[in-house]
Amino acid sequence: MSADFAAARLNMVESQVRPSDVTDLALQDAIRGVARETLLPATRAFAAYADAEVEYAPGRWLMRPRDAAKLLQALQPRAGETALAIAAPYAAAVLEAMGVIVSRLDEGDLATPPAGPFDLVVSEGSVARAPEGWKAALAPGGRLGVVERSGPMGKACVYVRTDDGVGGRASFDAAPPYLSGFEPVHGFAF
């Protein structure tokens, strides 16, 4: 590990994560231990700790560190839980560092995840609306974290499965790039 990347990671936690009300100490420790630069092509590693989304594959982006940390904190992950990370390599790595058992879905039909149930489902890309398949993958008490947006700014939403179904709430403003195929469909009204 490069000393420059290690220093950048610590600076990211102190300047982007902690000042954004990310107070979960286990989450902060996990973030300090995850080398974001290893999730990126070598030509983009320099941007790993910038306050920006960084493309890691064509049309796929790591969520900005502040937003990823806030979304994970809203999900309240606990060691031993199971998670599904949908186009979310950074969130997956942080959850694994926290002792969560993570399945990754980066290819194929992202709207139809593998059979769960999962305690957590998380995506680092924006969607117009959270797909029903993602909600259906939740175990009782399971939480889904996703950014929903139909314009330039969206809301990070947390959905929870209860005995009565799945309900959600908005948590904070965010605007990561859309996951391909999950953009809003705009039409004309007469």
Protein backbone atom coordinates (compact mmCIF):
# COMPACT_ATOMS: atom_id res chain seq x y z
CA MET A 1 0.00 0.00 0.00
CA SER A 2 1.34 3.36 -0.98
CA ALA A 3 1.90 5.81 1.87
CA ASP A 4 0.28 8.47 -0.31
CA PHE A 5 -2.90 6.39 -0.64
CA ALA A 6 -2.92 5.60 3.10
CA ALA A 7 -2.62 9.30 3.93
CA ALA A 8 -5.32 10.16 1.38
CA ARG A 9 -7.63 7.55 2.92
CA LEU A 10 -7.17 9.00 6.42
CA ASN A 11 -7.70 12.50 5.06
CA MET A 12 -10.89 11.32 3.30
CA VAL A 13 -12.29 10.01 6.60
CA GLU A 14 -11.38 13.21 8.47
CA SER A 15 -12.48 15.69 5.79
CA GLN A 16 -15.39 13.97 3.99
CA VAL A 17 -16.81 11.20 6.15
CA ARG A 18 -16.72 12.32 9.78
CA PRO A 19 -17.86 15.93 9.08
CA SER A 20 -20.91 14.46 7.28
CA ASP A 21 -22.34 13.06 10.54
CA VAL A 22 -20.99 9.56 10.00
CA THR A 23 -20.55 8.72 13.67
CA ASP A 24 -20.56 4.89 13.57
CA LEU A 25 -17.05 4.04 14.81
CA ALA A 26 -17.05 0.51 13.37
CA LEU A 27 -17.97 1.96 9.98
CA GLN A 28 -15.24 4.60 10.24
CA ASP A 29 -12.70 1.89 11.10
CA ALA A 30 -13.81 -0.23 8.13
CA ILE A 31 -13.55 2.75 5.77
CA ARG A 32 -10.02 3.46 7.04
CA GLY A 33 -9.08 -0.11 6.14
CA VAL A 34 -10.55 -0.35 2.62
CA ALA A 35 -8.16 0.61 -0.17
CA ARG A 36 -10.50 2.31 -2.68
CA GLU A 37 -7.69 2.58 -5.20
CA THR A 38 -7.65 -1.21 -5.61
CA LEU A 39 -11.25 -1.09 -6.89
CA LEU A 40 -10.31 1.20 -9.76
CA PRO A 41 -8.32 0.77 -12.96
CA ALA A 42 -4.70 1.86 -12.42
CA THR A 43 -5.32 4.89 -14.66
CA ARG A 44 -8.01 6.17 -12.27
CA ALA A 45 -6.50 5.17 -8.91
CA PHE A 46 -5.30 8.75 -8.35
CA ALA A 47 -8.97 9.81 -7.93
CA ALA A 48 -9.88 7.12 -5.38
CA TYR A 49 -10.18 9.51 -2.43
CA ALA A 50 -11.53 12.58 -4.23
CA ASP A 51 -14.89 13.97 -3.22
CA ALA A 52 -16.39 12.68 -6.47
CA GLU A 53 -17.85 9.60 -8.14
CA VAL A 54 -15.16 7.65 -10.00
CA GLU A 55 -15.86 5.35 -12.95
CA TYR A 56 -14.50 1.85 -12.25
CA ALA A 57 -15.92 0.14 -15.36
CA PRO A 58 -17.83 1.43 -18.39
CA GLY A 59 -21.02 2.99 -17.03
CA ARG A 60 -20.27 1.94 -13.43
CA TRP A 61 -19.17 4.34 -10.72
CA LEU A 62 -17.92 4.19 -7.15
CA MET A 63 -20.17 6.40 -5.07
CA ARG A 64 -18.47 9.46 -3.58
CA PRO A 65 -17.00 8.53 -0.16
CA ARG A 66 -19.32 10.79 1.85
CA ASP A 67 -22.46 9.38 0.21
CA ALA A 68 -21.33 5.76 0.50
CA ALA A 69 -20.54 6.23 4.20
CA LYS A 70 -23.85 7.96 4.94
CA LEU A 71 -25.82 5.29 3.05
CA LEU A 72 -24.06 2.46 4.87
CA GLN A 73 -24.57 4.15 8.23
CA ALA A 74 -28.30 4.52 7.48
CA LEU A 75 -28.46 0.74 6.86
CA GLN A 76 -26.97 -0.01 10.30
CA PRO A 77 -24.95 -3.07 9.24
CA ARG A 78 -23.98 -5.64 11.86
CA ALA A 79 -21.33 -8.35 11.74
CA GLY A 80 -22.76 -11.70 10.69
CA GLU A 81 -25.54 -10.22 8.56
CA THR A 82 -25.87 -11.05 4.87
CA ALA A 83 -25.78 -8.42 2.15
CA LEU A 84 -26.26 -8.11 -1.58
CA ALA A 85 -24.14 -5.39 -3.20
CA ILE A 86 -25.57 -4.42 -6.60
CA ALA A 87 -22.96 -2.60 -8.70
CA ALA A 88 -21.46 -1.55 -5.36
CA PRO A 89 -17.86 -2.75 -5.02
CA TYR A 90 -16.83 -0.12 -2.47
CA ALA A 91 -19.89 -0.68 -0.28
CA ALA A 92 -19.25 -4.44 -0.52
CA ALA A 93 -15.64 -4.06 0.60
CA VAL A 94 -16.59 -1.83 3.55
CA LEU A 95 -19.37 -4.21 4.62
CA GLU A 96 -16.96 -7.16 4.43
CA ALA A 97 -14.50 -5.23 6.61
CA MET A 98 -17.35 -4.89 9.13
CA GLY A 99 -17.90 -8.66 9.21
CA VAL A 100 -20.94 -8.75 6.90
CA ILE A 101 -21.21 -11.71 4.48
CA VAL A 102 -21.53 -10.11 1.04
CA SER A 103 -22.77 -11.42 -2.31
CA ARG A 104 -21.95 -9.22 -5.29
CA LEU A 105 -24.08 -8.61 -8.37
CA ASP A 106 -22.26 -6.65 -11.08
CA GLU A 107 -23.32 -8.43 -14.26
CA GLY A 108 -26.49 -9.64 -15.92
CA ASP A 109 -29.99 -8.67 -14.89
CA LEU A 110 -29.44 -6.28 -11.99
CA ALA A 111 -33.19 -5.79 -11.48
CA THR A 112 -33.65 -9.47 -10.60
CA PRO A 113 -31.18 -10.37 -7.85
CA PRO A 114 -30.33 -13.91 -6.79
CA ALA A 115 -32.62 -15.55 -4.30
CA GLY A 116 -32.21 -14.08 -0.86
CA PRO A 117 -33.20 -13.30 1.60
CA PHE A 118 -30.61 -10.69 2.53
CA ASP A 119 -30.37 -8.52 5.64
CA LEU A 120 -28.99 -5.69 3.49
CA VAL A 121 -29.23 -4.74 -0.18
CA VAL A 122 -27.21 -1.76 -1.40
CA SER A 123 -26.42 -0.11 -4.72
CA GLU A 124 -23.91 2.65 -5.50
CA GLY A 125 -25.77 3.86 -8.60
CA SER A 126 -28.91 5.95 -8.89
CA VAL A 127 -32.20 4.45 -10.03
CA ALA A 128 -35.46 6.17 -10.94
CA ARG A 129 -37.31 3.90 -8.48
CA ALA A 130 -36.05 1.02 -6.36
CA PRO A 131 -36.83 -2.18 -8.32
CA GLU A 132 -39.39 -4.47 -6.73
CA GLY A 133 -36.91 -7.35 -7.09
CA TRP A 134 -34.51 -5.58 -4.74
CA LYS A 135 -37.22 -5.12 -2.13
CA ALA A 136 -38.35 -8.75 -2.56
CA ALA A 137 -34.80 -9.92 -1.76
CA LEU A 138 -35.02 -8.47 1.78
CA ALA A 139 -35.29 -10.76 4.79
CA PRO A 140 -37.69 -9.76 7.60
CA GLY A 141 -36.11 -6.67 9.14
CA GLY A 142 -33.90 -6.33 6.04
CA ARG A 143 -32.84 -2.91 4.76
CA LEU A 144 -32.33 -1.63 1.22
CA GLY A 145 -30.16 1.45 0.60
CA VAL A 146 -30.41 3.17 -2.79
CA VAL A 147 -30.46 6.64 -4.34
CA GLU A 148 -33.68 7.38 -6.19
CA ARG A 149 -33.75 10.33 -8.55
CA SER A 150 -35.58 11.62 -11.58
CA GLY A 151 -33.60 14.82 -12.10
CA PRO A 152 -30.25 16.33 -11.22
CA MET A 153 -30.55 15.60 -7.47
CA GLY A 154 -31.90 12.52 -5.77
CA LYS A 155 -32.58 11.17 -2.31
CA ALA A 156 -30.80 8.32 -0.62
CA CYS A 157 -33.64 6.09 0.52
CA VAL A 158 -33.73 3.30 3.06
CA TYR A 159 -36.44 0.66 2.70
CA VAL A 160 -37.21 -1.80 5.52
CA ARG A 161 -39.14 -5.08 5.33
CA THR A 162 -41.59 -5.49 8.20
CA ASP A 163 -44.42 -7.94 8.82
CA ASP A 164 -46.71 -5.49 7.00
CA GLY A 165 -44.58 -5.17 3.85
CA VAL A 166 -41.80 -2.81 2.76
CA GLY A 167 -41.75 0.87 3.67
CA GLY A 168 -39.16 3.52 3.02
CA ARG A 169 -37.89 6.94 3.99
CA ALA A 170 -35.57 9.49 2.45
CA SER A 171 -32.28 9.97 4.26
CA PHE A 172 -30.12 12.61 2.49
CA ASP A 173 -29.52 14.28 -0.89
CA ALA A 174 -27.19 12.55 -3.35
CA ALA A 175 -26.74 12.28 -7.11
CA PRO A 176 -24.50 9.40 -8.18
CA PRO A 177 -24.68 8.52 -11.88
CA TYR A 178 -27.56 6.28 -12.95
CA LEU A 179 -27.11 2.56 -13.24
CA SER A 180 -27.50 1.74 -16.91
CA GLY A 181 -31.08 0.68 -17.59
CA PHE A 182 -32.44 2.29 -14.42
CA GLU A 183 -32.79 5.85 -15.70
CA PRO A 184 -36.18 7.60 -15.51
CA VAL A 185 -38.41 7.26 -18.54
CA HIS A 186 -39.70 10.65 -19.55
CA GLY A 187 -42.69 10.92 -21.83
CA PHE A 188 -44.89 13.56 -23.31
CA ALA A 189 -48.20 14.55 -21.75
CA PHE A 190 -51.07 15.81 -23.86
